[in-house]
Amino acid sequence: MNKHFENDKHDTAVIAAGWGNADLRHLSAETFANIGVPNVVYIREVRADELESELASQIDVPADTVLYAVHAANGLRMAVLDDRATAFAGARQYELEPVSRH
């Protein structure tokens, strides 16, 4: 058994049962990131004020500005862009498979 799955009984059961009809919504972020989808990223809308504590010195836009964050499968934010189409195109440029998160 892969060491990434040893500590999570649900994840282990899902892997052991195969992917067929398994409910993958309950996988931990770490397991999801390690099961063969490292090239999948999700893109979601964020408001500039949500990022203020982390990126205040790097962005200078009004607090209600809608931005688009690109996240790895494990939730790590990889980039923030000002346009949805650009976020998708940028992910594809790096051979990543972007999906929307609502």
PDB file of N, CA and C in Angstrom:
ATOM      1  N   MET A   1       0.850  -1.183   0.000  1.00  0.00           N
ATOM      2  CA  MET A   1       0.000   0.000   0.000  1.00  0.00           C
ATOM      3  C   MET A   1       0.890   1.239   0.000  1.00  0.00           C
ATOM      4  N   ASN A   2       0.543   2.216  -0.770  1.00  0.00           N
ATOM      5  CA  ASN A   2       1.281   3.469  -0.860  1.00  0.00           C
ATOM      6  C   ASN A   2       1.287   4.156   0.502  1.00  0.00           C
ATOM      7  N   LYS A   3       2.426   4.676   0.922  1.00  0.00           N
ATOM      8  CA  LYS A   3       2.541   5.290   2.245  1.00  0.00           C
ATOM      9  C   LYS A   3       1.626   6.497   2.420  1.00  0.00           C
ATOM     10  N   HIS A   4       1.217   7.144   1.322  1.00  0.00           N
ATOM     11  CA  HIS A   4       0.346   8.314   1.428  1.00  0.00           C
ATOM     12  C   HIS A   4      -1.047   7.943   1.921  1.00  0.00           C
ATOM     13  N   PHE A   5      -1.417   6.677   1.856  1.00  0.00           N
ATOM     14  CA  PHE A   5      -2.774   6.279   2.198  1.00  0.00           C
ATOM     15  C   PHE A   5      -2.870   5.550   3.531  1.00  0.00           C
ATOM     16  N   GLU A   6      -1.769   5.332   4.237  1.00  0.00           N
ATOM     17  CA  GLU A   6      -1.766   4.511   5.428  1.00  0.00           C
ATOM     18  C   GLU A   6      -2.528   5.109   6.597  1.00  0.00           C
ATOM     19  N   ASN A   7      -2.601   6.426   6.693  1.00  0.00           N
ATOM     20  CA  ASN A   7      -3.166   7.053   7.881  1.00  0.00           C
ATOM     21  C   ASN A   7      -4.640   7.408   7.770  1.00  0.00           C
ATOM     22  N   ASP A   8      -5.251   7.223   6.657  1.00  0.00           N
ATOM     23  CA  ASP A   8      -6.637   7.626   6.474  1.00  0.00           C
ATOM     24  C   ASP A   8      -7.460   6.420   6.065  1.00  0.00           C
ATOM     25  N   LYS A   9      -8.281   5.891   6.996  1.00  0.00           N
ATOM     26  CA  LYS A   9      -9.030   4.662   6.718  1.00  0.00           C
ATOM     27  C   LYS A   9      -9.950   4.817   5.521  1.00  0.00           C
ATOM     28  N   HIS A  10     -10.636   5.960   5.410  1.00  0.00           N
ATOM     29  CA  HIS A  10     -11.548   6.144   4.277  1.00  0.00           C
ATOM     30  C   HIS A  10     -10.772   6.146   2.968  1.00  0.00           C
ATOM     31  N   ASP A  11      -9.662   6.891   2.935  1.00  0.00           N
ATOM     32  CA  ASP A  11      -8.859   6.952   1.714  1.00  0.00           C
ATOM     33  C   ASP A  11      -8.350   5.569   1.346  1.00  0.00           C
ATOM     34  N   THR A  12      -7.913   4.794   2.332  1.00  0.00           N
ATOM     35  CA  THR A  12      -7.411   3.453   2.080  1.00  0.00           C
ATOM     36  C   THR A  12      -8.516   2.578   1.508  1.00  0.00           C
ATOM     37  N   ALA A  13      -9.710   2.687   2.068  1.00  0.00           N
ATOM     38  CA  ALA A  13     -10.829   1.884   1.577  1.00  0.00           C
ATOM     39  C   ALA A  13     -11.186   2.257   0.149  1.00  0.00           C
ATOM     40  N   VAL A  14     -11.156   3.529  -0.163  1.00  0.00           N
ATOM     41  CA  VAL A  14     -11.467   3.980  -1.524  1.00  0.00           C
ATOM     42  C   VAL A  14     -10.443   3.433  -2.504  1.00  0.00           C
ATOM     43  N   ILE A  15      -9.160   3.514  -2.142  1.00  0.00           N
ATOM     44  CA  ILE A  15      -8.107   3.028  -3.022  1.00  0.00           C
ATOM     45  C   ILE A  15      -8.230   1.516  -3.190  1.00  0.00           C
ATOM     46  N   ALA A  16      -8.453   0.802  -2.092  1.00  0.00           N
ATOM     47  CA  ALA A  16      -8.539  -0.652  -2.148  1.00  0.00           C
ATOM     48  C   ALA A  16      -9.729  -1.101  -2.980  1.00  0.00           C
ATOM     49  N   ALA A  17     -10.822  -0.365  -2.945  1.00  0.00           N
ATOM     50  CA  ALA A  17     -12.022  -0.748  -3.673  1.00  0.00           C
ATOM     51  C   ALA A  17     -11.912  -0.432  -5.158  1.00  0.00           C
ATOM     52  N   GLY A  18     -10.943   0.361  -5.557  1.00  0.00           N
ATOM     53  CA  GLY A  18     -10.842   0.798  -6.944  1.00  0.00           C
ATOM     54  C   GLY A  18     -11.620   2.088  -7.114  1.00  0.00           C
ATOM     55  N   TRP A  19     -11.510   2.709  -8.264  1.00  0.00           N
ATOM     56  CA  TRP A  19     -12.134   4.022  -8.459  1.00  0.00           C
ATOM     57  C   TRP A  19     -13.579   3.932  -8.895  1.00  0.00           C
ATOM     58  N   GLY A  20     -13.998   2.818  -9.482  1.00  0.00           N
ATOM     59  CA  GLY A  20     -15.354   2.609  -9.993  1.00  0.00           C
ATOM     60  C   GLY A  20     -16.417   3.545  -9.472  1.00  0.00           C
ATOM     61  N   ASN A  21     -17.095   3.153  -8.416  1.00  0.00           N
ATOM     62  CA  ASN A  21     -18.205   3.930  -7.876  1.00  0.00           C
ATOM     63  C   ASN A  21     -17.850   4.650  -6.581  1.00  0.00           C
ATOM     64  N   ALA A  22     -16.585   4.762  -6.276  1.00  0.00           N
ATOM     65  CA  ALA A  22     -16.161   5.382  -5.022  1.00  0.00           C
ATOM     66  C   ALA A  22     -16.568   6.852  -4.968  1.00  0.00           C
ATOM     67  N   ASP A  23     -16.901   7.314  -3.787  1.00  0.00           N
ATOM     68  CA  ASP A  23     -17.248   8.706  -3.579  1.00  0.00           C
ATOM     69  C   ASP A  23     -15.966   9.457  -3.238  1.00  0.00           C
ATOM     70  N   LEU A  24     -15.411  10.138  -4.212  1.00  0.00           N
ATOM     71  CA  LEU A  24     -14.114  10.789  -4.053  1.00  0.00           C
ATOM     72  C   LEU A  24     -14.200  12.135  -3.338  1.00  0.00           C
ATOM     73  N   ARG A  25     -15.402  12.586  -3.027  1.00  0.00           N
ATOM     74  CA  ARG A  25     -15.545  13.880  -2.352  1.00  0.00           C
ATOM     75  C   ARG A  25     -14.987  13.868  -0.941  1.00  0.00           C
ATOM     76  N   HIS A  26     -14.775  12.695  -0.376  1.00  0.00           N
ATOM     77  CA  HIS A  26     -14.322  12.609   1.004  1.00  0.00           C
ATOM     78  C   HIS A  26     -12.820  12.354   1.136  1.00  0.00           C
ATOM     79  N   LEU A  27     -12.106  12.367   0.032  1.00  0.00           N
ATOM     80  CA  LEU A  27     -10.654  12.187   0.105  1.00  0.00           C
ATOM     81  C   LEU A  27     -10.017  13.403   0.771  1.00  0.00           C
ATOM     82  N   SER A  28      -8.974  13.156   1.519  1.00  0.00           N
ATOM     83  CA  SER A  28      -8.241  14.277   2.096  1.00  0.00           C
ATOM     84  C   SER A  28      -7.511  15.011   0.970  1.00  0.00           C
ATOM     85  N   ALA A  29      -7.178  16.267   1.200  1.00  0.00           N
ATOM     86  CA  ALA A  29      -6.475  17.047   0.183  1.00  0.00           C
ATOM     87  C   ALA A  29      -5.140  16.409  -0.165  1.00  0.00           C
ATOM     88  N   GLU A  30      -4.442  15.888   0.834  1.00  0.00           N
ATOM     89  CA  GLU A  30      -3.146  15.255   0.588  1.00  0.00           C
ATOM     90  C   GLU A  30      -3.286  14.017  -0.291  1.00  0.00           C
ATOM     91  N   THR A  31      -4.272  13.197   0.001  1.00  0.00           N
ATOM     92  CA  THR A  31      -4.478  11.993  -0.799  1.00  0.00           C
ATOM     93  C   THR A  31      -4.853  12.361  -2.225  1.00  0.00           C
ATOM     94  N   PHE A  32      -5.775  13.308  -2.378  1.00  0.00           N
ATOM     95  CA  PHE A  32      -6.200  13.723  -3.703  1.00  0.00           C
ATOM     96  C   PHE A  32      -5.009  14.210  -4.527  1.00  0.00           C
ATOM     97  N   ALA A  33      -4.134  14.967  -3.896  1.00  0.00           N
ATOM     98  CA  ALA A  33      -2.972  15.513  -4.599  1.00  0.00           C
ATOM     99  C   ALA A  33      -1.979  14.431  -4.986  1.00  0.00           C
ATOM    100  N   ASN A  34      -2.047  13.269  -4.338  1.00  0.00           N
ATOM    101  CA  ASN A  34      -1.073  12.212  -4.582  1.00  0.00           C
ATOM    102  C   ASN A  34      -1.607  11.019  -5.373  1.00  0.00           C
ATOM    103  N   ILE A  35      -2.810  11.073  -5.889  1.00  0.00           N
ATOM    104  CA  ILE A  35      -3.383   9.909  -6.561  1.00  0.00           C
ATOM    105  C   ILE A  35      -3.360   9.992  -8.074  1.00  0.00           C
ATOM    106  N   GLY A  36      -2.438  10.701  -8.603  1.00  0.00           N
ATOM    107  CA  GLY A  36      -2.318  10.738 -10.055  1.00  0.00           C
ATOM    108  C   GLY A  36      -2.957  11.934 -10.710  1.00  0.00           C
ATOM    109  N   VAL A  37      -3.307  12.943  -9.941  1.00  0.00           N
ATOM    110  CA  VAL A  37      -3.872  14.149 -10.527  1.00  0.00           C
ATOM    111  C   VAL A  37      -3.044  15.383 -10.189  1.00  0.00           C
ATOM    112  N   PRO A  38      -1.726  15.260 -10.190  1.00  0.00           N
ATOM    113  CA  PRO A  38      -0.913  16.420  -9.822  1.00  0.00           C
ATOM    114  C   PRO A  38      -0.983  17.540 -10.855  1.00  0.00           C
ATOM    115  N   ASN A  39      -1.483  17.246 -12.044  1.00  0.00           N
ATOM    116  CA  ASN A  39      -1.569  18.284 -13.063  1.00  0.00           C
ATOM    117  C   ASN A  39      -2.936  18.969 -13.082  1.00  0.00           C
ATOM    118  N   VAL A  40      -3.850  18.582 -12.193  1.00  0.00           N
ATOM    119  CA  VAL A  40      -5.157  19.226 -12.123  1.00  0.00           C
ATOM    120  C   VAL A  40      -5.071  20.401 -11.161  1.00  0.00           C
ATOM    121  N   VAL A  41      -5.544  21.539 -11.604  1.00  0.00           N
ATOM    122  CA  VAL A  41      -5.622  22.724 -10.757  1.00  0.00           C
ATOM    123  C   VAL A  41      -7.053  23.240 -10.807  1.00  0.00           C
ATOM    124  N   TYR A  42      -7.454  23.936  -9.764  1.00  0.00           N
ATOM    125  CA  TYR A  42      -8.777  24.541  -9.816  1.00  0.00           C
ATOM    126  C   TYR A  42      -8.641  26.047  -9.747  1.00  0.00           C
ATOM    127  N   ILE A  43      -9.586  26.694 -10.379  1.00  0.00           N
ATOM    128  CA  ILE A  43      -9.592  28.149 -10.457  1.00  0.00           C
ATOM    129  C   ILE A  43     -10.879  28.639  -9.816  1.00  0.00           C
ATOM    130  N   ARG A  44     -10.733  29.590  -8.904  1.00  0.00           N
ATOM    131  CA  ARG A  44     -11.917  30.125  -8.243  1.00  0.00           C
ATOM    132  C   ARG A  44     -11.813  31.636  -8.109  1.00  0.00           C
ATOM    133  N   GLU A  45     -12.985  32.256  -8.065  1.00  0.00           N
ATOM    134  CA  GLU A  45     -13.038  33.693  -7.848  1.00  0.00           C
ATOM    135  C   GLU A  45     -12.672  34.016  -6.412  1.00  0.00           C
ATOM    136  N   VAL A  46     -11.932  35.085  -6.240  1.00  0.00           N
ATOM    137  CA  VAL A  46     -11.642  35.621  -4.915  1.00  0.00           C
ATOM    138  C   VAL A  46     -11.734  37.141  -5.006  1.00  0.00           C
ATOM    139  N   ARG A  47     -12.121  37.748  -3.925  1.00  0.00           N
ATOM    140  CA  ARG A  47     -12.116  39.207  -3.883  1.00  0.00           C
ATOM    141  C   ARG A  47     -10.775  39.661  -3.337  1.00  0.00           C
ATOM    142  N   ALA A  48     -10.340  40.800  -3.778  1.00  0.00           N
ATOM    143  CA  ALA A  48      -9.040  41.321  -3.361  1.00  0.00           C
ATOM    144  C   ALA A  48      -8.929  41.426  -1.848  1.00  0.00           C
ATOM    145  N   ASP A  49     -10.036  41.752  -1.172  1.00  0.00           N
ATOM    146  CA  ASP A  49      -9.960  41.886   0.288  1.00  0.00           C
ATOM    147  C   ASP A  49      -9.712  40.548   0.987  1.00  0.00           C
ATOM    148  N   GLU A  50     -10.018  39.408   0.331  1.00  0.00           N
ATOM    149  CA  GLU A  50      -9.722  38.091   0.895  1.00  0.00           C
ATOM    150  C   GLU A  50      -8.208  37.831   0.914  1.00  0.00           C
ATOM    151  N   LEU A  51      -7.498  38.497   0.050  1.00  0.00           N
ATOM    152  CA  LEU A  51      -6.059  38.276  -0.086  1.00  0.00           C
ATOM    153  C   LEU A  51      -5.227  39.351   0.598  1.00  0.00           C
ATOM    154  N   GLU A  52      -5.901  40.349   1.157  1.00  0.00           N
ATOM    155  CA  GLU A  52      -5.206  41.513   1.704  1.00  0.00           C
ATOM    156  C   GLU A  52      -4.128  41.154   2.725  1.00  0.00           C
ATOM    157  N   SER A  53      -4.423  40.240   3.624  1.00  0.00           N
ATOM    158  CA  SER A  53      -3.446  39.929   4.665  1.00  0.00           C
ATOM    159  C   SER A  53      -2.191  39.257   4.101  1.00  0.00           C
ATOM    160  N   GLU A  54      -2.326  38.565   2.990  1.00  0.00           N
ATOM    161  CA  GLU A  54      -1.182  37.866   2.411  1.00  0.00           C
ATOM    162  C   GLU A  54      -0.482  38.657   1.299  1.00  0.00           C
ATOM    163  N   LEU A  55      -1.263  39.380   0.513  1.00  0.00           N
ATOM    164  CA  LEU A  55      -0.703  40.009  -0.687  1.00  0.00           C
ATOM    165  C   LEU A  55      -0.815  41.526  -0.709  1.00  0.00           C
ATOM    166  N   ALA A  56      -1.084  42.143   0.418  1.00  0.00           N
ATOM    167  CA  ALA A  56      -1.337  43.587   0.451  1.00  0.00           C
ATOM    168  C   ALA A  56      -0.248  44.398  -0.228  1.00  0.00           C
ATOM    169  N   SER A  57       0.988  44.021  -0.034  1.00  0.00           N
ATOM    170  CA  SER A  57       2.082  44.795  -0.617  1.00  0.00           C
ATOM    171  C   SER A  57       2.296  44.473  -2.100  1.00  0.00           C
ATOM    172  N   GLN A  58       1.660  43.416  -2.598  1.00  0.00           N
ATOM    173  CA  GLN A  58       1.885  42.991  -3.976  1.00  0.00           C
ATOM    174  C   GLN A  58       0.772  43.400  -4.932  1.00  0.00           C
ATOM    175  N   ILE A  59      -0.410  43.719  -4.404  1.00  0.00           N
ATOM    176  CA  ILE A  59      -1.507  44.127  -5.272  1.00  0.00           C
ATOM    177  C   ILE A  59      -2.038  45.473  -4.818  1.00  0.00           C
ATOM    178  N   ASP A  60      -2.436  46.274  -5.769  1.00  0.00           N
ATOM    179  CA  ASP A  60      -2.973  47.593  -5.468  1.00  0.00           C
ATOM    180  C   ASP A  60      -4.259  47.772  -6.258  1.00  0.00           C
ATOM    181  N   VAL A  61      -5.321  47.125  -5.763  1.00  0.00           N
ATOM    182  CA  VAL A  61      -6.627  47.208  -6.402  1.00  0.00           C
ATOM    183  C   VAL A  61      -7.670  47.430  -5.321  1.00  0.00           C
ATOM    184  N   PRO A  62      -8.845  47.952  -5.692  1.00  0.00           N
ATOM    185  CA  PRO A  62      -9.912  48.129  -4.694  1.00  0.00           C
ATOM    186  C   PRO A  62     -10.292  46.793  -4.050  1.00  0.00           C
ATOM    187  N   ALA A  63     -10.719  46.844  -2.800  1.00  0.00           N
ATOM    188  CA  ALA A  63     -11.023  45.637  -2.027  1.00  0.00           C
ATOM    189  C   ALA A  63     -12.098  44.764  -2.654  1.00  0.00           C
ATOM    190  N   ASP A  64     -13.035  45.364  -3.410  1.00  0.00           N
ATOM    191  CA  ASP A  64     -14.119  44.564  -3.992  1.00  0.00           C
ATOM    192  C   ASP A  64     -13.795  44.035  -5.394  1.00  0.00           C
ATOM    193  N   THR A  65     -12.562  44.168  -5.837  1.00  0.00           N
ATOM    194  CA  THR A  65     -12.147  43.671  -7.145  1.00  0.00           C
ATOM    195  C   THR A  65     -12.180  42.149  -7.157  1.00  0.00           C
ATOM    196  N   VAL A  66     -12.779  41.579  -8.211  1.00  0.00           N
ATOM    197  CA  VAL A  66     -12.820  40.118  -8.360  1.00  0.00           C
ATOM    198  C   VAL A  66     -11.553  39.679  -9.080  1.00  0.00           C
ATOM    199  N   LEU A  67     -10.853  38.735  -8.464  1.00  0.00           N
ATOM    200  CA  LEU A  67      -9.641  38.155  -9.037  1.00  0.00           C
ATOM    201  C   LEU A  67      -9.859  36.656  -9.194  1.00  0.00           C
ATOM    202  N   TYR A  68      -8.925  35.968  -9.825  1.00  0.00           N
ATOM    203  CA  TYR A  68      -9.041  34.533 -10.063  1.00  0.00           C
ATOM    204  C   TYR A  68      -7.794  33.834  -9.548  1.00  0.00           C
ATOM    205  N   ALA A  69      -7.988  32.966  -8.564  1.00  0.00           N
ATOM    206  CA  ALA A  69      -6.884  32.250  -7.943  1.00  0.00           C
ATOM    207  C   ALA A  69      -6.772  30.856  -8.543  1.00  0.00           C
ATOM    208  N   VAL A  70      -5.542  30.448  -8.838  1.00  0.00           N
ATOM    209  CA  VAL A  70      -5.250  29.110  -9.345  1.00  0.00           C
ATOM    210  C   VAL A  70      -4.684  28.318  -8.174  1.00  0.00           C
ATOM    211  N   HIS A  71      -5.311  27.169  -7.877  1.00  0.00           N
ATOM    212  CA  HIS A  71      -4.918  26.339  -6.745  1.00  0.00           C
ATOM    213  C   HIS A  71      -4.545  24.940  -7.198  1.00  0.00           C
ATOM    214  N   ALA A  72      -3.520  24.367  -6.570  1.00  0.00           N
ATOM    215  CA  ALA A  72      -3.182  22.961  -6.786  1.00  0.00           C
ATOM    216  C   ALA A  72      -4.276  22.110  -6.139  1.00  0.00           C
ATOM    217  N   ALA A  73      -4.302  20.828  -6.465  1.00  0.00           N
ATOM    218  CA  ALA A  73      -5.315  19.930  -5.919  1.00  0.00           C
ATOM    219  C   ALA A  73      -5.307  19.902  -4.398  1.00  0.00           C
ATOM    220  N   ASN A  74      -4.162  20.147  -3.787  1.00  0.00           N
ATOM    221  CA  ASN A  74      -4.080  20.132  -2.324  1.00  0.00           C
ATOM    222  C   ASN A  74      -4.468  21.467  -1.688  1.00  0.00           C
ATOM    223  N   GLY A  75      -4.904  22.426  -2.501  1.00  0.00           N
ATOM    224  CA  GLY A  75      -5.368  23.710  -1.989  1.00  0.00           C
ATOM    225  C   GLY A  75      -4.338  24.820  -2.011  1.00  0.00           C
ATOM    226  N   LEU A  76      -3.100  24.504  -2.289  1.00  0.00           N
ATOM    227  CA  LEU A  76      -2.047  25.509  -2.328  1.00  0.00           C
ATOM    228  C   LEU A  76      -2.319  26.502  -3.457  1.00  0.00           C
ATOM    229  N   ARG A  77      -2.380  27.789  -3.108  1.00  0.00           N
ATOM    230  CA  ARG A  77      -2.602  28.808  -4.136  1.00  0.00           C
ATOM    231  C   ARG A  77      -1.310  29.000  -4.915  1.00  0.00           C
ATOM    232  N   MET A  78      -1.409  28.887  -6.224  1.00  0.00           N
ATOM    233  CA  MET A  78      -0.240  28.973  -7.087  1.00  0.00           C
ATOM    234  C   MET A  78      -0.116  30.330  -7.761  1.00  0.00           C
ATOM    235  N   ALA A  79      -1.242  30.974  -8.019  1.00  0.00           N
ATOM    236  CA  ALA A  79      -1.216  32.259  -8.717  1.00  0.00           C
ATOM    237  C   ALA A  79      -2.528  32.989  -8.503  1.00  0.00           C
ATOM    238  N   VAL A  80      -2.499  34.300  -8.703  1.00  0.00           N
ATOM    239  CA  VAL A  80      -3.702  35.122  -8.679  1.00  0.00           C
ATOM    240  C   VAL A  80      -3.646  36.017  -9.904  1.00  0.00           C
ATOM    241  N   LEU A  81      -4.719  35.970 -10.690  1.00  0.00           N
ATOM    242  CA  LEU A  81      -4.773  36.763 -11.913  1.00  0.00           C
ATOM    243  C   LEU A  81      -6.031  37.609 -11.931  1.00  0.00           C
ATOM    244  N   ASP A  82      -6.063  38.600 -12.799  1.00  0.00           N
ATOM    245  CA  ASP A  82      -7.212  39.502 -12.830  1.00  0.00           C
ATOM    246  C   ASP A  82      -8.264  39.117 -13.853  1.00  0.00           C
ATOM    247  N   ASP A  83      -8.075  38.001 -14.549  1.00  0.00           N
ATOM    248  CA  ASP A  83      -9.001  37.609 -15.605  1.00  0.00           C
ATOM    249  C   ASP A  83      -9.140  36.087 -15.629  1.00  0.00           C
ATOM    250  N   ARG A  84     -10.373  35.596 -15.702  1.00  0.00           N
ATOM    251  CA  ARG A  84     -10.626  34.153 -15.679  1.00  0.00           C
ATOM    252  C   ARG A  84      -9.987  33.448 -16.872  1.00  0.00           C
ATOM    253  N   ALA A  85     -10.156  33.997 -18.057  1.00  0.00           N
ATOM    254  CA  ALA A  85      -9.596  33.377 -19.262  1.00  0.00           C
ATOM    255  C   ALA A  85      -8.073  33.302 -19.181  1.00  0.00           C
ATOM    256  N   THR A  86      -7.460  34.333 -18.636  1.00  0.00           N
ATOM    257  CA  THR A  86      -6.007  34.344 -18.482  1.00  0.00           C
ATOM    258  C   THR A  86      -5.564  33.285 -17.477  1.00  0.00           C
ATOM    259  N   ALA A  87      -6.333  33.100 -16.414  1.00  0.00           N
ATOM    260  CA  ALA A  87      -6.001  32.071 -15.419  1.00  0.00           C
ATOM    261  C   ALA A  87      -6.028  30.686 -16.067  1.00  0.00           C
ATOM    262  N   PHE A  88      -7.058  30.403 -16.874  1.00  0.00           N
ATOM    263  CA  PHE A  88      -7.146  29.109 -17.561  1.00  0.00           C
ATOM    264  C   PHE A  88      -6.017  28.954 -18.580  1.00  0.00           C
ATOM    265  N   ALA A  89      -5.763  29.994 -19.356  1.00  0.00           N
ATOM    266  CA  ALA A  89      -4.707  29.922 -20.375  1.00  0.00           C
ATOM    267  C   ALA A  89      -3.336  29.750 -19.723  1.00  0.00           C
ATOM    268  N   GLY A  90      -3.097  30.444 -18.636  1.00  0.00           N
ATOM    269  CA  GLY A  90      -1.826  30.319 -17.934  1.00  0.00           C
ATOM    270  C   GLY A  90      -1.605  28.918 -17.390  1.00  0.00           C
ATOM    271  N   ALA A  91      -2.647  28.329 -16.835  1.00  0.00           N
ATOM    272  CA  ALA A  91      -2.534  26.955 -16.323  1.00  0.00           C
ATOM    273  C   ALA A  91      -2.204  26.000 -17.457  1.00  0.00           C
ATOM    274  N   ARG A  92      -2.897  26.147 -18.574  1.00  0.00           N
ATOM    275  CA  ARG A  92      -2.649  25.261 -19.725  1.00  0.00           C
ATOM    276  C   ARG A  92      -1.242  25.448 -20.293  1.00  0.00           C
ATOM    277  N   GLN A  93      -0.735  26.667 -20.235  1.00  0.00           N
ATOM    278  CA  GLN A  93       0.618  26.942 -20.720  1.00  0.00           C
ATOM    279  C   GLN A  93       1.647  26.107 -19.971  1.00  0.00           C
ATOM    280  N   TYR A  94       1.370  25.818 -18.708  1.00  0.00           N
ATOM    281  CA  TYR A  94       2.278  25.006 -17.893  1.00  0.00           C
ATOM    282  C   TYR A  94       1.858  23.533 -17.851  1.00  0.00           C
ATOM    283  N   GLU A  95       1.054  23.146 -18.843  1.00  0.00           N
ATOM    284  CA  GLU A  95       0.585  21.761 -18.994  1.00  0.00           C
ATOM    285  C   GLU A  95      -0.213  21.281 -17.791  1.00  0.00           C
ATOM    286  N   LEU A  96      -0.969  22.192 -17.202  1.00  0.00           N
ATOM    287  CA  LEU A  96      -1.874  21.866 -16.111  1.00  0.00           C
ATOM    288  C   LEU A  96      -3.294  21.803 -16.666  1.00  0.00           C
ATOM    289  N   GLU A  97      -4.151  21.052 -16.009  1.00  0.00           N
ATOM    290  CA  GLU A  97      -5.543  20.903 -16.442  1.00  0.00           C
ATOM    291  C   GLU A  97      -6.445  21.683 -15.498  1.00  0.00           C
ATOM    292  N   PRO A  98      -6.871  22.884 -15.912  1.00  0.00           N
ATOM    293  CA  PRO A  98      -7.676  23.714 -15.029  1.00  0.00           C
ATOM    294  C   PRO A  98      -9.151  23.302 -15.008  1.00  0.00           C
ATOM    295  N   VAL A  99      -9.762  23.396 -13.837  1.00  0.00           N
ATOM    296  CA  VAL A  99     -11.197  23.177 -13.677  1.00  0.00           C
ATOM    297  C   VAL A  99     -11.739  24.321 -12.832  1.00  0.00           C
ATOM    298  N   SER A 100     -13.020  24.621 -13.004  1.00  0.00           N
ATOM    299  CA  SER A 100     -13.643  25.685 -12.224  1.00  0.00           C
ATOM    300  C   SER A 100     -14.099  25.153 -10.885  1.00  0.00           C
ATOM    301  N   ARG A 101     -14.039  26.002  -9.899  1.00  0.00           N
ATOM    302  CA  ARG A 101     -14.613  25.694  -8.586  1.00  0.00           C
ATOM    303  C   ARG A 101     -15.593  26.797  -8.265  1.00  0.00           C
ATOM    304  N   HIS A 102     -16.799  26.407  -7.962  1.00  0.00           N
ATOM    305  CA  HIS A 102     -17.847  27.405  -7.686  1.00  0.00           C
ATOM    306  C   HIS A 102     -18.111  27.509  -6.219  1.00  0.00           C
TER     307      HIS A 102
END
